[in-house]
Amino acid sequence: MTKIFEVIRKPLLTEKGQILRESNIQVFEVAPWASKHQIKEAAELLLQTKVKSIRTVRIPSKAKRLGRWVGSTGASKKAYVELAGDFKSAIE
């Protein structure tokens, strides 16, 4: 069994995420290998509430330059977790 913090890495606190929080949707950065089922189990344990639905988005890596050096950002995965019922976040 995987641990919660291996699946859910961190909450994403963005302007879009704050707007979605008003409609009971939390946004997390998750591990690229995590399935929706694993994300659901981890979110229910972490937030102590039922999960209604999950949407995931893969973000590809991008090429970045700093002067003459070329590098890239890492690929990541986001999960939009819709919670059932009323939920007050401890993050707010």
PDB file of N, CA and C in Angstrom:
ATOM      1  N   MET A   1       0.839  -1.186   0.000  1.00  0.00           N
ATOM      2  CA  MET A   1       0.000   0.000   0.000  1.00  0.00           C
ATOM      3  C   MET A   1       0.879   1.242   0.000  1.00  0.00           C
ATOM      4  N   THR A   2       0.535   2.190  -0.823  1.00  0.00           N
ATOM      5  CA  THR A   2       1.290   3.435  -0.888  1.00  0.00           C
ATOM      6  C   THR A   2       0.806   4.387   0.198  1.00  0.00           C
ATOM      7  N   LYS A   3       1.651   5.318   0.576  1.00  0.00           N
ATOM      8  CA  LYS A   3       1.307   6.285   1.603  1.00  0.00           C
ATOM      9  C   LYS A   3       0.616   7.492   0.976  1.00  0.00           C
ATOM     10  N   ILE A   4      -0.119   8.234   1.804  1.00  0.00           N
ATOM     11  CA  ILE A   4      -0.880   9.380   1.326  1.00  0.00           C
ATOM     12  C   ILE A   4       0.027  10.399   0.659  1.00  0.00           C
ATOM     13  N   PHE A   5       1.157  10.699   1.292  1.00  0.00           N
ATOM     14  CA  PHE A   5       2.012  11.771   0.793  1.00  0.00           C
ATOM     15  C   PHE A   5       2.909  11.329  -0.356  1.00  0.00           C
ATOM     16  N   GLU A   6       2.870  10.061  -0.718  1.00  0.00           N
ATOM     17  CA  GLU A   6       3.514   9.620  -1.951  1.00  0.00           C
ATOM     18  C   GLU A   6       2.582   9.869  -3.132  1.00  0.00           C
ATOM     19  N   VAL A   7       1.281   9.768  -2.903  1.00  0.00           N
ATOM     20  CA  VAL A   7       0.294   9.970  -3.963  1.00  0.00           C
ATOM     21  C   VAL A   7      -0.009  11.457  -4.117  1.00  0.00           C
ATOM     22  N   ILE A   8      -0.434  12.113  -3.029  1.00  0.00           N
ATOM     23  CA  ILE A   8      -0.735  13.551  -3.061  1.00  0.00           C
ATOM     24  C   ILE A   8       0.500  14.284  -2.573  1.00  0.00           C
ATOM     25  N   ARG A   9       1.114  15.063  -3.452  1.00  0.00           N
ATOM     26  CA  ARG A   9       2.352  15.744  -3.097  1.00  0.00           C
ATOM     27  C   ARG A   9       2.116  17.053  -2.371  1.00  0.00           C
ATOM     28  N   LYS A  10       1.242  17.912  -2.920  1.00  0.00           N
ATOM     29  CA  LYS A  10       0.974  19.201  -2.273  1.00  0.00           C
ATOM     30  C   LYS A  10      -0.294  19.803  -2.849  1.00  0.00           C
ATOM     31  N   PRO A  11      -0.958  20.675  -2.072  1.00  0.00           N
ATOM     32  CA  PRO A  11      -2.099  21.403  -2.626  1.00  0.00           C
ATOM     33  C   PRO A  11      -1.587  22.527  -3.519  1.00  0.00           C
ATOM     34  N   LEU A  12      -2.308  22.812  -4.588  1.00  0.00           N
ATOM     35  CA  LEU A  12      -1.936  23.903  -5.476  1.00  0.00           C
ATOM     36  C   LEU A  12      -2.787  25.117  -5.122  1.00  0.00           C
ATOM     37  N   LEU A  13      -2.137  26.144  -4.603  1.00  0.00           N
ATOM     38  CA  LEU A  13      -2.830  27.347  -4.165  1.00  0.00           C
ATOM     39  C   LEU A  13      -2.681  28.415  -5.241  1.00  0.00           C
ATOM     40  N   THR A  14      -3.614  28.416  -6.175  1.00  0.00           N
ATOM     41  CA  THR A  14      -3.602  29.372  -7.269  1.00  0.00           C
ATOM     42  C   THR A  14      -4.921  30.140  -7.272  1.00  0.00           C
ATOM     43  N   GLU A  15      -4.991  31.167  -8.114  1.00  0.00           N
ATOM     44  CA  GLU A  15      -6.210  31.954  -8.206  1.00  0.00           C
ATOM     45  C   GLU A  15      -7.380  31.104  -8.711  1.00  0.00           C
ATOM     46  N   LYS A  16      -7.112  30.265  -9.710  1.00  0.00           N
ATOM     47  CA  LYS A  16      -8.158  29.377 -10.224  1.00  0.00           C
ATOM     48  C   LYS A  16      -8.592  28.383  -9.144  1.00  0.00           C
ATOM     49  N   GLY A  17      -7.641  27.882  -8.379  1.00  0.00           N
ATOM     50  CA  GLY A  17      -7.952  26.941  -7.313  1.00  0.00           C
ATOM     51  C   GLY A  17      -8.805  27.554  -6.221  1.00  0.00           C
ATOM     52  N   GLN A  18      -8.574  28.835  -5.904  1.00  0.00           N
ATOM     53  CA  GLN A  18      -9.384  29.516  -4.893  1.00  0.00           C
ATOM     54  C   GLN A  18     -10.826  29.666  -5.356  1.00  0.00           C
ATOM     55  N   ILE A  19     -11.023  29.935  -6.647  1.00  0.00           N
ATOM     56  CA  ILE A  19     -12.376  30.044  -7.195  1.00  0.00           C
ATOM     57  C   ILE A  19     -13.073  28.685  -7.147  1.00  0.00           C
ATOM     58  N   LEU A  20     -12.334  27.612  -7.455  1.00  0.00           N
ATOM     59  CA  LEU A  20     -12.916  26.270  -7.442  1.00  0.00           C
ATOM     60  C   LEU A  20     -13.244  25.797  -6.027  1.00  0.00           C
ATOM     61  N   ARG A  21     -12.530  26.283  -5.023  1.00  0.00           N
ATOM     62  CA  ARG A  21     -12.790  25.892  -3.631  1.00  0.00           C
ATOM     63  C   ARG A  21     -14.202  26.272  -3.193  1.00  0.00           C
ATOM     64  N   GLU A  22     -14.737  27.355  -3.768  1.00  0.00           N
ATOM     65  CA  GLU A  22     -16.092  27.782  -3.410  1.00  0.00           C
ATOM     66  C   GLU A  22     -17.133  26.757  -3.837  1.00  0.00           C
ATOM     67  N   SER A  23     -16.811  25.934  -4.842  1.00  0.00           N
ATOM     68  CA  SER A  23     -17.737  24.889  -5.280  1.00  0.00           C
ATOM     69  C   SER A  23     -17.246  23.498  -4.869  1.00  0.00           C
ATOM     70  N   ASN A  24     -16.528  23.414  -3.735  1.00  0.00           N
ATOM     71  CA  ASN A  24     -16.061  22.148  -3.134  1.00  0.00           C
ATOM     72  C   ASN A  24     -15.127  21.353  -4.032  1.00  0.00           C
ATOM     73  N   ILE A  25     -14.248  22.022  -4.779  1.00  0.00           N
ATOM     74  CA  ILE A  25     -13.248  21.329  -5.593  1.00  0.00           C
ATOM     75  C   ILE A  25     -11.864  21.728  -5.092  1.00  0.00           C
ATOM     76  N   GLN A  26     -11.077  20.738  -4.695  1.00  0.00           N
ATOM     77  CA  GLN A  26      -9.713  20.962  -4.232  1.00  0.00           C
ATOM     78  C   GLN A  26      -8.754  20.570  -5.349  1.00  0.00           C
ATOM     79  N   VAL A  27      -7.627  21.286  -5.474  1.00  0.00           N
ATOM     80  CA  VAL A  27      -6.648  21.019  -6.520  1.00  0.00           C
ATOM     81  C   VAL A  27      -5.339  20.581  -5.856  1.00  0.00           C
ATOM     82  N   PHE A  28      -4.803  19.443  -6.300  1.00  0.00           N
ATOM     83  CA  PHE A  28      -3.569  18.899  -5.742  1.00  0.00           C
ATOM     84  C   PHE A  28      -2.588  18.548  -6.846  1.00  0.00           C
ATOM     85  N   GLU A  29      -1.292  18.637  -6.532  1.00  0.00           N
ATOM     86  CA  GLU A  29      -0.279  18.037  -7.396  1.00  0.00           C
ATOM     87  C   GLU A  29      -0.119  16.609  -6.911  1.00  0.00           C
ATOM     88  N   VAL A  30      -0.189  15.660  -7.824  1.00  0.00           N
ATOM     89  CA  VAL A  30      -0.107  14.247  -7.463  1.00  0.00           C
ATOM     90  C   VAL A  30       1.044  13.586  -8.213  1.00  0.00           C
ATOM     91  N   ALA A  31       1.385  12.385  -7.795  1.00  0.00           N
ATOM     92  CA  ALA A  31       2.451  11.628  -8.451  1.00  0.00           C
ATOM     93  C   ALA A  31       2.014  11.242  -9.860  1.00  0.00           C
ATOM     94  N   PRO A  32       2.929  11.297 -10.838  1.00  0.00           N
ATOM     95  CA  PRO A  32       2.560  10.978 -12.229  1.00  0.00           C
ATOM     96  C   PRO A  32       2.058   9.552 -12.421  1.00  0.00           C
ATOM     97  N   TRP A  33       2.443   8.632 -11.554  1.00  0.00           N
ATOM     98  CA  TRP A  33       2.042   7.234 -11.695  1.00  0.00           C
ATOM     99  C   TRP A  33       0.734   6.920 -10.980  1.00  0.00           C
ATOM    100  N   ALA A  34       0.170   7.887 -10.240  1.00  0.00           N
ATOM    101  CA  ALA A  34      -1.020   7.633  -9.422  1.00  0.00           C
ATOM    102  C   ALA A  34      -2.277   7.511 -10.283  1.00  0.00           C
ATOM    103  N   SER A  35      -3.101   6.515  -9.961  1.00  0.00           N
ATOM    104  CA  SER A  35      -4.373   6.338 -10.660  1.00  0.00           C
ATOM    105  C   SER A  35      -5.466   7.112  -9.923  1.00  0.00           C
ATOM    106  N   LYS A  36      -6.622   7.245 -10.557  1.00  0.00           N
ATOM    107  CA  LYS A  36      -7.730   7.956  -9.926  1.00  0.00           C
ATOM    108  C   LYS A  36      -8.178   7.260  -8.642  1.00  0.00           C
ATOM    109  N   HIS A  37      -8.144   5.946  -8.648  1.00  0.00           N
ATOM    110  CA  HIS A  37      -8.549   5.191  -7.466  1.00  0.00           C
ATOM    111  C   HIS A  37      -7.601   5.468  -6.298  1.00  0.00           C
ATOM    112  N   GLN A  38      -6.298   5.495  -6.550  1.00  0.00           N
ATOM    113  CA  GLN A  38      -5.327   5.790  -5.498  1.00  0.00           C
ATOM    114  C   GLN A  38      -5.468   7.219  -4.995  1.00  0.00           C
ATOM    115  N   ILE A  39      -5.729   8.156  -5.905  1.00  0.00           N
ATOM    116  CA  ILE A  39      -5.908   9.554  -5.521  1.00  0.00           C
ATOM    117  C   ILE A  39      -7.154   9.695  -4.652  1.00  0.00           C
ATOM    118  N   LYS A  40      -8.224   8.977  -5.004  1.00  0.00           N
ATOM    119  CA  LYS A  40      -9.466   9.038  -4.227  1.00  0.00           C
ATOM    120  C   LYS A  40      -9.256   8.525  -2.815  1.00  0.00           C
ATOM    121  N   GLU A  41      -8.581   7.384  -2.667  1.00  0.00           N
ATOM    122  CA  GLU A  41      -8.315   6.828  -1.335  1.00  0.00           C
ATOM    123  C   GLU A  41      -7.475   7.781  -0.500  1.00  0.00           C
ATOM    124  N   ALA A  42      -6.434   8.349  -1.095  1.00  0.00           N
ATOM    125  CA  ALA A  42      -5.551   9.254  -0.367  1.00  0.00           C
ATOM    126  C   ALA A  42      -6.276  10.538   0.031  1.00  0.00           C
ATOM    127  N   ALA A  43      -7.111  11.080  -0.846  1.00  0.00           N
ATOM    128  CA  ALA A  43      -7.845  12.309  -0.546  1.00  0.00           C
ATOM    129  C   ALA A  43      -8.871  12.075   0.566  1.00  0.00           C
ATOM    130  N   GLU A  44      -9.533  10.936   0.554  1.00  0.00           N
ATOM    131  CA  GLU A  44     -10.504  10.637   1.605  1.00  0.00           C
ATOM    132  C   GLU A  44      -9.822  10.474   2.960  1.00  0.00           C
ATOM    133  N   LEU A  45      -8.647   9.870   3.000  1.00  0.00           N
ATOM    134  CA  LEU A  45      -7.918   9.748   4.257  1.00  0.00           C
ATOM    135  C   LEU A  45      -7.380  11.092   4.729  1.00  0.00           C
ATOM    136  N   LEU A  46      -6.886  11.889   3.816  1.00  0.00           N
ATOM    137  CA  LEU A  46      -6.281  13.167   4.164  1.00  0.00           C
ATOM    138  C   LEU A  46      -7.316  14.193   4.602  1.00  0.00           C
ATOM    139  N   LEU A  47      -8.427  14.295   3.878  1.00  0.00           N
ATOM    140  CA  LEU A  47      -9.424  15.327   4.136  1.00  0.00           C
ATOM    141  C   LEU A  47     -10.563  14.866   5.039  1.00  0.00           C
ATOM    142  N   GLN A  48     -10.641  13.577   5.349  1.00  0.00           N
ATOM    143  CA  GLN A  48     -11.675  13.009   6.214  1.00  0.00           C
ATOM    144  C   GLN A  48     -13.091  13.320   5.710  1.00  0.00           C
ATOM    145  N   THR A  49     -13.307  13.170   4.408  1.00  0.00           N
ATOM    146  CA  THR A  49     -14.618  13.381   3.803  1.00  0.00           C
ATOM    147  C   THR A  49     -14.744  12.511   2.561  1.00  0.00           C
ATOM    148  N   LYS A  50     -15.942  12.377   2.043  1.00  0.00           N
ATOM    149  CA  LYS A  50     -16.177  11.576   0.840  1.00  0.00           C
ATOM    150  C   LYS A  50     -15.809  12.366  -0.410  1.00  0.00           C
ATOM    151  N   VAL A  51     -15.296  11.664  -1.411  1.00  0.00           N
ATOM    152  CA  VAL A  51     -14.940  12.264  -2.690  1.00  0.00           C
ATOM    153  C   VAL A  51     -16.025  11.928  -3.697  1.00  0.00           C
ATOM    154  N   LYS A  52     -16.540  12.953  -4.382  1.00  0.00           N
ATOM    155  CA  LYS A  52     -17.610  12.761  -5.358  1.00  0.00           C
ATOM    156  C   LYS A  52     -17.035  12.367  -6.718  1.00  0.00           C
ATOM    157  N   SER A  53     -16.015  13.115  -7.209  1.00  0.00           N
ATOM    158  CA  SER A  53     -15.405  12.791  -8.493  1.00  0.00           C
ATOM    159  C   SER A  53     -13.985  13.331  -8.542  1.00  0.00           C
ATOM    160  N   ILE A  54     -13.203  12.804  -9.506  1.00  0.00           N
ATOM    161  CA  ILE A  54     -11.813  13.223  -9.684  1.00  0.00           C
ATOM    162  C   ILE A  54     -11.551  13.423 -11.163  1.00  0.00           C
ATOM    163  N   ARG A  55     -10.898  14.543 -11.489  1.00  0.00           N
ATOM    164  CA  ARG A  55     -10.419  14.788 -12.848  1.00  0.00           C
ATOM    165  C   ARG A  55      -8.916  14.979 -12.765  1.00  0.00           C
ATOM    166  N   THR A  56      -8.184  14.386 -13.693  1.00  0.00           N
ATOM    167  CA  THR A  56      -6.726  14.516 -13.688  1.00  0.00           C
ATOM    168  C   THR A  56      -6.245  15.150 -14.986  1.00  0.00           C
ATOM    169  N   VAL A  57      -5.107  15.859 -14.877  1.00  0.00           N
ATOM    170  CA  VAL A  57      -4.502  16.532 -16.019  1.00  0.00           C
ATOM    171  C   VAL A  57      -3.002  16.284 -15.966  1.00  0.00           C
ATOM    172  N   ARG A  58      -2.430  15.826 -17.073  1.00  0.00           N
ATOM    173  CA  ARG A  58      -0.973  15.678 -17.169  1.00  0.00           C
ATOM    174  C   ARG A  58      -0.389  16.943 -17.773  1.00  0.00           C
ATOM    175  N   ILE A  59       0.661  17.469 -17.147  1.00  0.00           N
ATOM    176  CA  ILE A  59       1.320  18.674 -17.637  1.00  0.00           C
ATOM    177  C   ILE A  59       2.692  18.262 -18.155  1.00  0.00           C
ATOM    178  N   PRO A  60       2.955  18.429 -19.460  1.00  0.00           N
ATOM    179  CA  PRO A  60       4.243  18.005 -20.013  1.00  0.00           C
ATOM    180  C   PRO A  60       5.369  18.948 -19.590  1.00  0.00           C
ATOM    181  N   SER A  61       6.604  18.476 -19.705  1.00  0.00           N
ATOM    182  CA  SER A  61       7.745  19.328 -19.390  1.00  0.00           C
ATOM    183  C   SER A  61       7.928  20.361 -20.492  1.00  0.00           C
ATOM    184  N   LYS A  62       8.515  21.506 -20.133  1.00  0.00           N
ATOM    185  CA  LYS A  62       8.716  22.587 -21.090  1.00  0.00           C
ATOM    186  C   LYS A  62      10.194  22.948 -21.136  1.00  0.00           C
ATOM    187  N   ALA A  63      10.668  23.332 -22.291  1.00  0.00           N
ATOM    188  CA  ALA A  63      12.053  23.779 -22.443  1.00  0.00           C
ATOM    189  C   ALA A  63      12.175  25.202 -21.911  1.00  0.00           C
ATOM    190  N   LYS A  64      13.199  25.446 -21.106  1.00  0.00           N
ATOM    191  CA  LYS A  64      13.453  26.769 -20.542  1.00  0.00           C
ATOM    192  C   LYS A  64      14.895  27.160 -20.813  1.00  0.00           C
ATOM    193  N   ARG A  65      15.128  28.456 -20.993  1.00  0.00           N
ATOM    194  CA  ARG A  65      16.470  28.983 -21.225  1.00  0.00           C
ATOM    195  C   ARG A  65      16.825  29.950 -20.119  1.00  0.00           C
ATOM    196  N   LEU A  66      18.092  29.959 -19.752  1.00  0.00           N
ATOM    197  CA  LEU A  66      18.645  30.973 -18.870  1.00  0.00           C
ATOM    198  C   LEU A  66      19.965  31.391 -19.491  1.00  0.00           C
ATOM    199  N   GLY A  67      19.921  32.450 -20.292  1.00  0.00           N
ATOM    200  CA  GLY A  67      21.100  32.859 -21.043  1.00  0.00           C
ATOM    201  C   GLY A  67      21.410  31.838 -22.114  1.00  0.00           C
ATOM    202  N   ARG A  68      22.614  31.299 -22.073  1.00  0.00           N
ATOM    203  CA  ARG A  68      22.975  30.305 -23.092  1.00  0.00           C
ATOM    204  C   ARG A  68      22.686  28.873 -22.662  1.00  0.00           C
ATOM    205  N   TRP A  69      22.260  28.694 -21.420  1.00  0.00           N
ATOM    206  CA  TRP A  69      21.970  27.342 -20.925  1.00  0.00           C
ATOM    207  C   TRP A  69      20.514  26.970 -21.172  1.00  0.00           C
ATOM    208  N   VAL A  70      20.321  25.761 -21.642  1.00  0.00           N
ATOM    209  CA  VAL A  70      18.984  25.266 -21.930  1.00  0.00           C
ATOM    210  C   VAL A  70      18.682  24.127 -20.970  1.00  0.00           C
ATOM    211  N   GLY A  71      17.507  24.189 -20.361  1.00  0.00           N
ATOM    212  CA  GLY A  71      17.082  23.136 -19.445  1.00  0.00           C
ATOM    213  C   GLY A  71      15.611  22.859 -19.674  1.00  0.00           C
ATOM    214  N   SER A  72      15.007  22.164 -18.755  1.00  0.00           N
ATOM    215  CA  SER A  72      13.577  21.899 -18.887  1.00  0.00           C
ATOM    216  C   SER A  72      12.941  21.797 -17.512  1.00  0.00           C
ATOM    217  N   THR A  73      11.660  22.125 -17.461  1.00  0.00           N
ATOM    218  CA  THR A  73      10.895  21.939 -16.239  1.00  0.00           C
ATOM    219  C   THR A  73      10.465  20.478 -16.179  1.00  0.00           C
ATOM    220  N   GLY A  74      10.106  20.024 -15.021  1.00  0.00           N
ATOM    221  CA  GLY A  74       9.667  18.641 -14.881  1.00  0.00           C
ATOM    222  C   GLY A  74       8.212  18.465 -15.267  1.00  0.00           C
ATOM    223  N   ALA A  75       7.875  17.298 -15.764  1.00  0.00           N
ATOM    224  CA  ALA A  75       6.483  16.974 -16.052  1.00  0.00           C
ATOM    225  C   ALA A  75       5.767  16.713 -14.725  1.00  0.00           C
ATOM    226  N   SER A  76       4.482  17.032 -14.664  1.00  0.00           N
ATOM    227  CA  SER A  76       3.742  16.821 -13.430  1.00  0.00           C
ATOM    228  C   SER A  76       2.306  16.402 -13.754  1.00  0.00           C
ATOM    229  N   LYS A  77       1.537  16.170 -12.703  1.00  0.00           N
ATOM    230  CA  LYS A  77       0.147  15.757 -12.855  1.00  0.00           C
ATOM    231  C   LYS A  77      -0.677  16.466 -11.787  1.00  0.00           C
ATOM    232  N   LYS A  78      -1.833  17.016 -12.187  1.00  0.00           N
ATOM    233  CA  LYS A  78      -2.739  17.689 -11.265  1.00  0.00           C
ATOM    234  C   LYS A  78      -4.014  16.870 -11.135  1.00  0.00           C
ATOM    235  N   ALA A  79      -4.629  16.956  -9.968  1.00  0.00           N
ATOM    236  CA  ALA A  79      -5.916  16.301  -9.746  1.00  0.00           C
ATOM    237  C   ALA A  79      -6.901  17.318  -9.195  1.00  0.00           C
ATOM    238  N   TYR A  80      -8.070  17.392  -9.827  1.00  0.00           N
ATOM    239  CA  TYR A  80      -9.172  18.201  -9.343  1.00  0.00           C
ATOM    240  C   TYR A  80     -10.116  17.262  -8.607  1.00  0.00           C
ATOM    241  N   VAL A  81     -10.197  17.401  -7.276  1.00  0.00           N
ATOM    242  CA  VAL A  81     -10.967  16.494  -6.429  1.00  0.00           C
ATOM    243  C   VAL A  81     -12.237  17.213  -5.980  1.00  0.00           C
ATOM    244  N   GLU A  82     -13.399  16.709  -6.435  1.00  0.00           N
ATOM    245  CA  GLU A  82     -14.672  17.280  -6.023  1.00  0.00           C
ATOM    246  C   GLU A  82     -15.168  16.530  -4.799  1.00  0.00           C
ATOM    247  N   LEU A  83     -15.448  17.282  -3.734  1.00  0.00           N
ATOM    248  CA  LEU A  83     -15.849  16.693  -2.466  1.00  0.00           C
ATOM    249  C   LEU A  83     -17.366  16.683  -2.344  1.00  0.00           C
ATOM    250  N   ALA A  84     -17.890  15.660  -1.682  1.00  0.00           N
ATOM    251  CA  ALA A  84     -19.330  15.539  -1.468  1.00  0.00           C
ATOM    252  C   ALA A  84     -19.715  16.302  -0.207  1.00  0.00           C
ATOM    253  N   GLY A  85     -20.813  17.020  -0.249  1.00  0.00           N
ATOM    254  CA  GLY A  85     -21.302  17.748   0.918  1.00  0.00           C
ATOM    255  C   GLY A  85     -20.511  19.015   1.179  1.00  0.00           C
ATOM    256  N   ASP A  86     -20.775  19.618   2.353  1.00  0.00           N
ATOM    257  CA  ASP A  86     -20.082  20.849   2.742  1.00  0.00           C
ATOM    258  C   ASP A  86     -18.747  20.498   3.387  1.00  0.00           C
ATOM    259  N   PHE A  87     -17.722  21.233   2.967  1.00  0.00           N
ATOM    260  CA  PHE A  87     -16.381  20.976   3.496  1.00  0.00           C
ATOM    261  C   PHE A  87     -15.685  22.307   3.695  1.00  0.00           C
ATOM    262  N   LYS A  88     -15.147  22.531   4.875  1.00  0.00           N
ATOM    263  CA  LYS A  88     -14.360  23.729   5.168  1.00  0.00           C
ATOM    264  C   LYS A  88     -12.896  23.324   5.209  1.00  0.00           C
ATOM    265  N   SER A  89     -12.095  23.920   4.347  1.00  0.00           N
ATOM    266  CA  SER A  89     -10.693  23.569   4.232  1.00  0.00           C
ATOM    267  C   SER A  89      -9.885  24.168   5.378  1.00  0.00           C
ATOM    268  N   ALA A  90      -8.889  23.447   5.847  1.00  0.00           N
ATOM    269  CA  ALA A  90      -7.982  23.955   6.875  1.00  0.00           C
ATOM    270  C   ALA A  90      -6.947  24.883   6.253  1.00  0.00           C
ATOM    271  N   ILE A  91      -6.843  24.873   4.915  1.00  0.00           N
ATOM    272  CA  ILE A  91      -5.856  25.698   4.220  1.00  0.00           C
ATOM    273  C   ILE A  91      -6.297  27.160   4.224  1.00  0.00           C
ATOM    274  N   GLU A  92      -7.594  27.412   4.152  1.00  0.00           N
ATOM    275  CA  GLU A  92      -8.098  28.785   4.041  1.00  0.00           C
ATOM    276  C   GLU A  92      -7.885  29.579   5.276  1.00  0.00           C
TER     277      GLU A  92
END
